[in-house]
Structures are given as structure tokens and as C-alpha cells.
Amino acid sequence: MSHIFKMYGTCATEVKFKLVDGRMRDVKFKGGCDGNLKAVMRLIEGRPAVEVAEMLGGIRCGRKNTSCPDQLAKAILQAREDEETDQADAKTADG
């Protein structure tokens, strides 16, 4: 399942990724610092999403209160929550 999130307070405006068996896949940023974000994408590909969120959460960019990696961490946590809700709703529907 693909997840797309609008990013706030960063040069990148959007991040798109998949969670496959709890691991990061096909991460793509829209905008931002091209070289730095390509490095982030390569480093996290295939890693457990929870590990990535813990590693990147709280990183700041200069004087900003956030960064592209921090926004990605928030997006990962939201995606996991969304998937858990979807699974719970599916179980309820199956009754």
C-alpha cells in the first residue's frame, strides 16, 4: 500500500513510500535537497519502518523545528497507524 504525505516546514513538499511487511520500500521525495534525500532513500530502503522512524525523528534542519527526515518519521508513524486502523476495520467488517 502506498502512502503519500504532505510535508510541513521543509523544502521537500511531499513524501511517498510503501510499507511492505513493516519495511520501507520505494521512498520518494518531491522537492528538497536532491543529493541528501537520495542518500536518505538509499539508507532506509528495506529497513524496518519503526527503526527508521526512531532514527530520523527529531532531526532539525538549521533553525527550523523540523527537517525532511523528521517529517518522514512522522509520516511513517501516521502510515502505521492508518494501516492498523484499516486492519481493525477489516476485522470488524468480517465480523
PDB file of N, CA and C in Angstrom:
ATOM      1  N   MET A   1       0.841  -1.180   0.000  1.00  0.00           N
ATOM      2  CA  MET A   1       0.000   0.000   0.000  1.00  0.00           C
ATOM      3  C   MET A   1       0.888   1.246   0.000  1.00  0.00           C
ATOM      4  N   SER A   2       0.617   2.167  -0.898  1.00  0.00           N
ATOM      5  CA  SER A   2       1.375   3.418  -0.967  1.00  0.00           C
ATOM      6  C   SER A   2       0.805   4.441   0.005  1.00  0.00           C
ATOM      7  N   HIS A   3       1.706   5.207   0.585  1.00  0.00           N
ATOM      8  CA  HIS A   3       1.332   6.289   1.489  1.00  0.00           C
ATOM      9  C   HIS A   3       1.930   7.572   0.938  1.00  0.00           C
ATOM     10  N   ILE A   4       1.135   8.632   0.905  1.00  0.00           N
ATOM     11  CA  ILE A   4       1.592   9.941   0.433  1.00  0.00           C
ATOM     12  C   ILE A   4       1.273  10.956   1.517  1.00  0.00           C
ATOM     13  N   PHE A   5       2.302  11.734   1.904  1.00  0.00           N
ATOM     14  CA  PHE A   5       2.125  12.722   2.954  1.00  0.00           C
ATOM     15  C   PHE A   5       2.670  14.073   2.528  1.00  0.00           C
ATOM     16  N   LYS A   6       1.906  15.109   2.836  1.00  0.00           N
ATOM     17  CA  LYS A   6       2.359  16.475   2.623  1.00  0.00           C
ATOM     18  C   LYS A   6       3.302  16.812   3.776  1.00  0.00           C
ATOM     19  N   MET A   7       4.425  17.422   3.430  1.00  0.00           N
ATOM     20  CA  MET A   7       5.419  17.772   4.436  1.00  0.00           C
ATOM     21  C   MET A   7       5.296  19.255   4.781  1.00  0.00           C
ATOM     22  N   TYR A   8       5.542  19.601   6.037  1.00  0.00           N
ATOM     23  CA  TYR A   8       5.410  20.966   6.527  1.00  0.00           C
ATOM     24  C   TYR A   8       6.727  21.468   7.086  1.00  0.00           C
ATOM     25  N   GLY A   9       7.066  22.718   6.752  1.00  0.00           N
ATOM     26  CA  GLY A   9       8.257  23.356   7.312  1.00  0.00           C
ATOM     27  C   GLY A   9       9.550  22.871   6.700  1.00  0.00           C
ATOM     28  N   THR A  10       9.479  22.251   5.517  1.00  0.00           N
ATOM     29  CA  THR A  10      10.671  21.714   4.865  1.00  0.00           C
ATOM     30  C   THR A  10      10.707  22.139   3.401  1.00  0.00           C
ATOM     31  N   CYS A  11      11.866  21.976   2.793  1.00  0.00           N
ATOM     32  CA  CYS A  11      11.995  22.276   1.360  1.00  0.00           C
ATOM     33  C   CYS A  11      11.244  21.245   0.522  1.00  0.00           C
ATOM     34  N   ALA A  12      11.290  19.991   0.922  1.00  0.00           N
ATOM     35  CA  ALA A  12      10.501  18.964   0.245  1.00  0.00           C
ATOM     36  C   ALA A  12       9.031  19.202   0.586  1.00  0.00           C
ATOM     37  N   THR A  13       8.158  18.976  -0.370  1.00  0.00           N
ATOM     38  CA  THR A  13       6.737  19.241  -0.158  1.00  0.00           C
ATOM     39  C   THR A  13       5.916  17.980   0.073  1.00  0.00           C
ATOM     40  N   GLU A  14       6.493  16.823  -0.271  1.00  0.00           N
ATOM     41  CA  GLU A  14       5.730  15.574  -0.194  1.00  0.00           C
ATOM     42  C   GLU A  14       6.693  14.394  -0.107  1.00  0.00           C
ATOM     43  N   VAL A  15       6.233  13.352   0.566  1.00  0.00           N
ATOM     44  CA  VAL A  15       6.969  12.096   0.577  1.00  0.00           C
ATOM     45  C   VAL A  15       5.981  10.970   0.287  1.00  0.00           C
ATOM     46  N   LYS A  16       6.431  10.021  -0.511  1.00  0.00           N
ATOM     47  CA  LYS A  16       5.615   8.866  -0.886  1.00  0.00           C
ATOM     48  C   LYS A  16       6.446   7.623  -0.590  1.00  0.00           C
ATOM     49  N   PHE A  17       5.806   6.598  -0.025  1.00  0.00           N
ATOM     50  CA  PHE A  17       6.516   5.358   0.283  1.00  0.00           C
ATOM     51  C   PHE A  17       5.523   4.223   0.470  1.00  0.00           C
ATOM     52  N   LYS A  18       6.063   3.032   0.517  1.00  0.00           N
ATOM     53  CA  LYS A  18       5.269   1.842   0.805  1.00  0.00           C
ATOM     54  C   LYS A  18       5.817   1.187   2.062  1.00  0.00           C
ATOM     55  N   LEU A  19       4.931   0.568   2.810  1.00  0.00           N
ATOM     56  CA  LEU A  19       5.316  -0.293   3.921  1.00  0.00           C
ATOM     57  C   LEU A  19       4.978  -1.712   3.489  1.00  0.00           C
ATOM     58  N   VAL A  20       5.990  -2.531   3.362  1.00  0.00           N
ATOM     59  CA  VAL A  20       5.807  -3.920   2.943  1.00  0.00           C
ATOM     60  C   VAL A  20       6.361  -4.799   4.064  1.00  0.00           C
ATOM     61  N   ASP A  21       5.469  -5.524   4.710  1.00  0.00           N
ATOM     62  CA  ASP A  21       5.858  -6.346   5.856  1.00  0.00           C
ATOM     63  C   ASP A  21       6.630  -5.528   6.886  1.00  0.00           C
ATOM     64  N   GLY A  22       6.173  -4.279   7.102  1.00  0.00           N
ATOM     65  CA  GLY A  22       6.771  -3.417   8.111  1.00  0.00           C
ATOM     66  C   GLY A  22       8.090  -2.771   7.710  1.00  0.00           C
ATOM     67  N   ARG A  23       8.451  -2.913   6.436  1.00  0.00           N
ATOM     68  CA  ARG A  23       9.728  -2.359   5.965  1.00  0.00           C
ATOM     69  C   ARG A  23       9.491  -1.263   4.935  1.00  0.00           C
ATOM     70  N   MET A  24      10.444  -0.350   4.869  1.00  0.00           N
ATOM     71  CA  MET A  24      10.374   0.790   3.954  1.00  0.00           C
ATOM     72  C   MET A  24      10.674   0.350   2.526  1.00  0.00           C
ATOM     73  N   ARG A  25       9.835   0.780   1.589  1.00  0.00           N
ATOM     74  CA  ARG A  25      10.035   0.474   0.175  1.00  0.00           C
ATOM     75  C   ARG A  25       9.655   1.692  -0.675  1.00  0.00           C
ATOM     76  N   ASP A  26      10.385   1.883  -1.761  1.00  0.00           N
ATOM     77  CA  ASP A  26      10.054   2.877  -2.790  1.00  0.00           C
ATOM     78  C   ASP A  26       9.826   4.283  -2.235  1.00  0.00           C
ATOM     79  N   VAL A  27      10.739   4.751  -1.388  1.00  0.00           N
ATOM     80  CA  VAL A  27      10.622   6.099  -0.817  1.00  0.00           C
ATOM     81  C   VAL A  27      10.993   7.126  -1.875  1.00  0.00           C
ATOM     82  N   LYS A  28      10.143   8.149  -2.019  1.00  0.00           N
ATOM     83  CA  LYS A  28      10.397   9.218  -2.984  1.00  0.00           C
ATOM     84  C   LYS A  28       9.957  10.542  -2.381  1.00  0.00           C
ATOM     85  N   PHE A  29      10.823  11.539  -2.481  1.00  0.00           N
ATOM     86  CA  PHE A  29      10.504  12.874  -2.011  1.00  0.00           C
ATOM     87  C   PHE A  29      10.203  13.765  -3.202  1.00  0.00           C
ATOM     88  N   LYS A  30       9.355  14.742  -3.003  1.00  0.00           N
ATOM     89  CA  LYS A  30       9.078  15.758  -4.017  1.00  0.00           C
ATOM     90  C   LYS A  30       9.721  17.051  -3.521  1.00  0.00           C
ATOM     91  N   GLY A  31      10.703  17.547  -4.269  1.00  0.00           N
ATOM     92  CA  GLY A  31      11.426  18.740  -3.855  1.00  0.00           C
ATOM     93  C   GLY A  31      12.513  18.393  -2.850  1.00  0.00           C
ATOM     94  N   GLY A  32      13.046  19.397  -2.214  1.00  0.00           N
ATOM     95  CA  GLY A  32      14.067  19.197  -1.190  1.00  0.00           C
ATOM     96  C   GLY A  32      15.470  19.134  -1.760  1.00  0.00           C
ATOM     97  N   CYS A  33      16.419  18.836  -0.915  1.00  0.00           N
ATOM     98  CA  CYS A  33      17.838  18.758  -1.284  1.00  0.00           C
ATOM     99  C   CYS A  33      18.100  17.408  -1.946  1.00  0.00           C
ATOM    100  N   ASP A  34      18.220  17.421  -3.247  1.00  0.00           N
ATOM    101  CA  ASP A  34      18.260  16.202  -4.056  1.00  0.00           C
ATOM    102  C   ASP A  34      19.282  15.185  -3.555  1.00  0.00           C
ATOM    103  N   GLY A  35      20.515  15.583  -3.410  1.00  0.00           N
ATOM    104  CA  GLY A  35      21.562  14.634  -3.004  1.00  0.00           C
ATOM    105  C   GLY A  35      21.334  14.070  -1.615  1.00  0.00           C
ATOM    106  N   ASN A  36      20.982  14.929  -0.674  1.00  0.00           N
ATOM    107  CA  ASN A  36      20.756  14.468   0.694  1.00  0.00           C
ATOM    108  C   ASN A  36      19.583  13.498   0.763  1.00  0.00           C
ATOM    109  N   LEU A  37      18.521  13.816   0.053  1.00  0.00           N
ATOM    110  CA  LEU A  37      17.350  12.944   0.115  1.00  0.00           C
ATOM    111  C   LEU A  37      17.572  11.640  -0.631  1.00  0.00           C
ATOM    112  N   LYS A  38      18.376  11.651  -1.692  1.00  0.00           N
ATOM    113  CA  LYS A  38      18.731  10.393  -2.354  1.00  0.00           C
ATOM    114  C   LYS A  38      19.507   9.502  -1.393  1.00  0.00           C
ATOM    115  N   ALA A  39      20.379  10.102  -0.601  1.00  0.00           N
ATOM    116  CA  ALA A  39      21.140   9.331   0.388  1.00  0.00           C
ATOM    117  C   ALA A  39      20.204   8.731   1.435  1.00  0.00           C
ATOM    118  N   VAL A  40      19.278   9.535   1.935  1.00  0.00           N
ATOM    119  CA  VAL A  40      18.310   9.036   2.917  1.00  0.00           C
ATOM    120  C   VAL A  40      17.533   7.864   2.332  1.00  0.00           C
ATOM    121  N   MET A  41      17.066   8.024   1.089  1.00  0.00           N
ATOM    122  CA  MET A  41      16.270   6.969   0.452  1.00  0.00           C
ATOM    123  C   MET A  41      17.066   5.663   0.352  1.00  0.00           C
ATOM    124  N   ARG A  42      18.315   5.753  -0.051  1.00  0.00           N
ATOM    125  CA  ARG A  42      19.138   4.535  -0.169  1.00  0.00           C
ATOM    126  C   ARG A  42      19.400   3.892   1.181  1.00  0.00           C
ATOM    127  N   LEU A  43      19.654   4.722   2.184  1.00  0.00           N
ATOM    128  CA  LEU A  43      19.994   4.198   3.502  1.00  0.00           C
ATOM    129  C   LEU A  43      18.822   3.506   4.196  1.00  0.00           C
ATOM    130  N   ILE A  44      17.599   3.940   3.897  1.00  0.00           N
ATOM    131  CA  ILE A  44      16.456   3.364   4.613  1.00  0.00           C
ATOM    132  C   ILE A  44      15.721   2.287   3.828  1.00  0.00           C
ATOM    133  N   GLU A  45      16.005   2.138   2.551  1.00  0.00           N
ATOM    134  CA  GLU A  45      15.312   1.137   1.730  1.00  0.00           C
ATOM    135  C   GLU A  45      15.447  -0.252   2.353  1.00  0.00           C
ATOM    136  N   GLY A  46      14.318  -0.889   2.618  1.00  0.00           N
ATOM    137  CA  GLY A  46      14.300  -2.243   3.155  1.00  0.00           C
ATOM    138  C   GLY A  46      14.437  -2.333   4.665  1.00  0.00           C
ATOM    139  N   ARG A  47      14.693  -1.219   5.321  1.00  0.00           N
ATOM    140  CA  ARG A  47      14.838  -1.242   6.783  1.00  0.00           C
ATOM    141  C   ARG A  47      13.469  -1.257   7.457  1.00  0.00           C
ATOM    142  N   PRO A  48      13.411  -1.766   8.680  1.00  0.00           N
ATOM    143  CA  PRO A  48      12.140  -1.741   9.407  1.00  0.00           C
ATOM    144  C   PRO A  48      11.659  -0.304   9.619  1.00  0.00           C
ATOM    145  N   ALA A  49      10.398  -0.054   9.333  1.00  0.00           N
ATOM    146  CA  ALA A  49       9.835   1.293   9.416  1.00  0.00           C
ATOM    147  C   ALA A  49       9.971   1.877  10.815  1.00  0.00           C
ATOM    148  N   VAL A  50       9.727   1.084  11.828  1.00  0.00           N
ATOM    149  CA  VAL A  50       9.823   1.577  13.206  1.00  0.00           C
ATOM    150  C   VAL A  50      11.247   2.041  13.498  1.00  0.00           C
ATOM    151  N   GLU A  51      12.225   1.283  13.064  1.00  0.00           N
ATOM    152  CA  GLU A  51      13.628   1.640  13.255  1.00  0.00           C
ATOM    153  C   GLU A  51      13.945   2.968  12.553  1.00  0.00           C
ATOM    154  N   VAL A  52      13.456   3.125  11.336  1.00  0.00           N
ATOM    155  CA  VAL A  52      13.695   4.355  10.576  1.00  0.00           C
ATOM    156  C   VAL A  52      13.066   5.547  11.294  1.00  0.00           C
ATOM    157  N   ALA A  53      11.827   5.402  11.758  1.00  0.00           N
ATOM    158  CA  ALA A  53      11.143   6.492  12.451  1.00  0.00           C
ATOM    159  C   ALA A  53      11.900   6.890  13.718  1.00  0.00           C
ATOM    160  N   GLU A  54      12.374   5.907  14.461  1.00  0.00           N
ATOM    161  CA  GLU A  54      13.127   6.203  15.686  1.00  0.00           C
ATOM    162  C   GLU A  54      14.446   6.892  15.370  1.00  0.00           C
ATOM    163  N   MET A  55      15.097   6.478  14.309  1.00  0.00           N
ATOM    164  CA  MET A  55      16.390   7.014  13.924  1.00  0.00           C
ATOM    165  C   MET A  55      16.279   8.454  13.416  1.00  0.00           C
ATOM    166  N   LEU A  56      15.237   8.769  12.653  1.00  0.00           N
ATOM    167  CA  LEU A  56      15.131  10.059  11.984  1.00  0.00           C
ATOM    168  C   LEU A  56      14.293  11.093  12.739  1.00  0.00           C
ATOM    169  N   GLY A  57      13.440  10.641  13.626  1.00  0.00           N
ATOM    170  CA  GLY A  57      12.573  11.562  14.357  1.00  0.00           C
ATOM    171  C   GLY A  57      13.368  12.556  15.184  1.00  0.00           C
ATOM    172  N   GLY A  58      12.950  13.815  15.137  1.00  0.00           N
ATOM    173  CA  GLY A  58      13.578  14.844  15.956  1.00  0.00           C
ATOM    174  C   GLY A  58      14.750  15.562  15.306  1.00  0.00           C
ATOM    175  N   ILE A  59      15.171  15.126  14.124  1.00  0.00           N
ATOM    176  CA  ILE A  59      16.263  15.805  13.430  1.00  0.00           C
ATOM    177  C   ILE A  59      15.776  17.170  12.971  1.00  0.00           C
ATOM    178  N   ARG A  60      16.586  18.182  13.205  1.00  0.00           N
ATOM    179  CA  ARG A  60      16.238  19.544  12.799  1.00  0.00           C
ATOM    180  C   ARG A  60      17.125  19.973  11.641  1.00  0.00           C
ATOM    181  N   CYS A  61      16.626  20.901  10.844  1.00  0.00           N
ATOM    182  CA  CYS A  61      17.382  21.462   9.726  1.00  0.00           C
ATOM    183  C   CYS A  61      17.643  22.930  10.040  1.00  0.00           C
ATOM    184  N   GLY A  62      18.893  23.245  10.349  1.00  0.00           N
ATOM    185  CA  GLY A  62      19.231  24.623  10.698  1.00  0.00           C
ATOM    186  C   GLY A  62      18.415  25.093  11.882  1.00  0.00           C
ATOM    187  N   ARG A  63      17.768  26.233  11.735  1.00  0.00           N
ATOM    188  CA  ARG A  63      16.966  26.799  12.825  1.00  0.00           C
ATOM    189  C   ARG A  63      15.515  26.347  12.782  1.00  0.00           C
ATOM    190  N   LYS A  64      15.184  25.523  11.806  1.00  0.00           N
ATOM    191  CA  LYS A  64      13.812  25.016  11.696  1.00  0.00           C
ATOM    192  C   LYS A  64      13.556  24.011  12.815  1.00  0.00           C
ATOM    193  N   ASN A  65      12.303  23.859  13.178  1.00  0.00           N
ATOM    194  CA  ASN A  65      11.932  22.896  14.214  1.00  0.00           C
ATOM    195  C   ASN A  65      11.774  21.482  13.672  1.00  0.00           C
ATOM    196  N   THR A  66      11.979  21.307  12.389  1.00  0.00           N
ATOM    197  CA  THR A  66      11.797  20.006  11.750  1.00  0.00           C
ATOM    198  C   THR A  66      12.787  19.876  10.597  1.00  0.00           C
ATOM    199  N   SER A  67      12.687  18.789   9.868  1.00  0.00           N
ATOM    200  CA  SER A  67      13.540  18.521   8.703  1.00  0.00           C
ATOM    201  C   SER A  67      12.826  17.510   7.832  1.00  0.00           C
ATOM    202  N   CYS A  68      13.358  17.273   6.655  1.00  0.00           N
ATOM    203  CA  CYS A  68      12.769  16.235   5.791  1.00  0.00           C
ATOM    204  C   CYS A  68      12.795  14.865   6.477  1.00  0.00           C
ATOM    205  N   PRO A  69      13.920  14.462   7.104  1.00  0.00           N
ATOM    206  CA  PRO A  69      13.913  13.175   7.803  1.00  0.00           C
ATOM    207  C   PRO A  69      12.904  13.135   8.960  1.00  0.00           C
ATOM    208  N   ASP A  70      12.781  14.232   9.700  1.00  0.00           N
ATOM    209  CA  ASP A  70      11.811  14.289  10.802  1.00  0.00           C
ATOM    210  C   ASP A  70      10.389  14.169  10.274  1.00  0.00           C
ATOM    211  N   GLN A  71      10.092  14.852   9.170  1.00  0.00           N
ATOM    212  CA  GLN A  71       8.765  14.757   8.568  1.00  0.00           C
ATOM    213  C   GLN A  71       8.497  13.337   8.068  1.00  0.00           C
ATOM    214  N   LEU A  72       9.518  12.681   7.524  1.00  0.00           N
ATOM    215  CA  LEU A  72       9.371  11.294   7.098  1.00  0.00           C
ATOM    216  C   LEU A  72       9.054  10.408   8.296  1.00  0.00           C
ATOM    217  N   ALA A  73       9.739  10.627   9.414  1.00  0.00           N
ATOM    218  CA  ALA A  73       9.469   9.837  10.619  1.00  0.00           C
ATOM    219  C   ALA A  73       8.012   9.990  11.045  1.00  0.00           C
ATOM    220  N   LYS A  74       7.509  11.216  11.007  1.00  0.00           N
ATOM    221  CA  LYS A  74       6.104  11.457  11.366  1.00  0.00           C
ATOM    222  C   LYS A  74       5.171  10.764  10.375  1.00  0.00           C
ATOM    223  N   ALA A  75       5.520  10.799   9.101  1.00  0.00           N
ATOM    224  CA  ALA A  75       4.708  10.148   8.071  1.00  0.00           C
ATOM    225  C   ALA A  75       4.674   8.634   8.284  1.00  0.00           C
ATOM    226  N   ILE A  76       5.806   8.053   8.642  1.00  0.00           N
ATOM    227  CA  ILE A  76       5.869   6.611   8.897  1.00  0.00           C
ATOM    228  C   ILE A  76       4.939   6.237  10.045  1.00  0.00           C
ATOM    229  N   LEU A  77       5.012   6.984  11.136  1.00  0.00           N
ATOM    230  CA  LEU A  77       4.157   6.684  12.288  1.00  0.00           C
ATOM    231  C   LEU A  77       2.682   6.817  11.919  1.00  0.00           C
ATOM    232  N   GLN A  78       2.341   7.831  11.122  1.00  0.00           N
ATOM    233  CA  GLN A  78       0.961   8.006  10.679  1.00  0.00           C
ATOM    234  C   GLN A  78       0.527   6.850   9.773  1.00  0.00           C
ATOM    235  N   ALA A  79       1.412   6.436   8.876  1.00  0.00           N
ATOM    236  CA  ALA A  79       1.095   5.329   7.965  1.00  0.00           C
ATOM    237  C   ALA A  79       0.857   4.039   8.745  1.00  0.00           C
ATOM    238  N   ARG A  80       1.683   3.776   9.735  1.00  0.00           N
ATOM    239  CA  ARG A  80       1.497   2.568  10.546  1.00  0.00           C
ATOM    240  C   ARG A  80       0.156   2.622  11.276  1.00  0.00           C
ATOM    241  N   GLU A  81      -0.169   3.786  11.806  1.00  0.00           N
ATOM    242  CA  GLU A  81      -1.448   3.955  12.494  1.00  0.00           C
ATOM    243  C   GLU A  81      -2.618   3.752  11.528  1.00  0.00           C
ATOM    244  N   ASP A  82      -2.499   4.334  10.330  1.00  0.00           N
ATOM    245  CA  ASP A  82      -3.547   4.170   9.322  1.00  0.00           C
ATOM    246  C   ASP A  82      -3.730   2.702   8.946  1.00  0.00           C
ATOM    247  N   GLU A  83      -2.627   1.983   8.766  1.00  0.00           N
ATOM    248  CA  GLU A  83      -2.705   0.568   8.396  1.00  0.00           C
ATOM    249  C   GLU A  83      -3.326  -0.257   9.519  1.00  0.00           C
ATOM    250  N   GLU A  84      -2.988   0.054  10.762  1.00  0.00           N
ATOM    251  CA  GLU A  84      -3.567  -0.667  11.897  1.00  0.00           C
ATOM    252  C   GLU A  84      -5.078  -0.421  11.974  1.00  0.00           C
ATOM    253  N   THR A  85      -5.493   0.822  11.720  1.00  0.00           N
ATOM    254  CA  THR A  85      -6.916   1.155  11.719  1.00  0.00           C
ATOM    255  C   THR A  85      -7.632   0.408  10.601  1.00  0.00           C
ATOM    256  N   ASP A  86      -7.017   0.392   9.412  1.00  0.00           N
ATOM    257  CA  ASP A  86      -7.612  -0.325   8.281  1.00  0.00           C
ATOM    258  C   ASP A  86      -7.771  -1.814   8.589  1.00  0.00           C
ATOM    259  N   GLN A  87      -6.765  -2.403   9.232  1.00  0.00           N
ATOM    260  CA  GLN A  87      -6.832  -3.827   9.577  1.00  0.00           C
ATOM    261  C   GLN A  87      -7.921  -4.084  10.614  1.00  0.00           C
ATOM    262  N   ALA A  88      -8.049  -3.193  11.593  1.00  0.00           N
ATOM    263  CA  ALA A  88      -9.085  -3.345  12.609  1.00  0.00           C
ATOM    264  C   ALA A  88     -10.470  -3.206  11.985  1.00  0.00           C
ATOM    265  N   ASP A  89     -10.601  -2.243  11.066  1.00  0.00           N
ATOM    266  CA  ASP A  89     -11.897  -2.061  10.383  1.00  0.00           C
ATOM    267  C   ASP A  89     -12.242  -3.282   9.538  1.00  0.00           C
ATOM    268  N   ALA A  90     -11.249  -3.878   8.913  1.00  0.00           N
ATOM    269  CA  ALA A  90     -11.485  -5.063   8.082  1.00  0.00           C
ATOM    270  C   ALA A  90     -11.939  -6.239   8.955  1.00  0.00           C
ATOM    271  N   LYS A  91     -11.334  -6.379  10.127  1.00  0.00           N
ATOM    272  CA  LYS A  91     -11.736  -7.466  11.042  1.00  0.00           C
ATOM    273  C   LYS A  91     -13.160  -7.256  11.528  1.00  0.00           C
ATOM    274  N   THR A  92     -13.520  -6.008  11.818  1.00  0.00           N
ATOM    275  CA  THR A  92     -14.871  -5.690  12.273  1.00  0.00           C
ATOM    276  C   THR A  92     -15.888  -5.979  11.166  1.00  0.00           C
ATOM    277  N   ALA A  93     -15.532  -5.636   9.940  1.00  0.00           N
ATOM    278  CA  ALA A  93     -16.428  -5.876   8.797  1.00  0.00           C
ATOM    279  C   ALA A  93     -16.635  -7.366   8.552  1.00  0.00           C
ATOM    280  N   ASP A  94     -15.563  -8.151   8.807  1.00  0.00           N
ATOM    281  CA  ASP A  94     -15.662  -9.589   8.623  1.00  0.00           C
ATOM    282  C   ASP A  94     -16.519 -10.243   9.699  1.00  0.00           C
ATOM    283  N   GLY A  95     -16.622  -9.524  10.835  1.00  0.00           N
ATOM    284  CA  GLY A  95     -17.482  -9.880  11.922  1.00  0.00           C
ATOM    285  C   GLY A  95     -17.252 -11.129  12.590  1.00  0.00           C
TER     286      GLY A  95
END
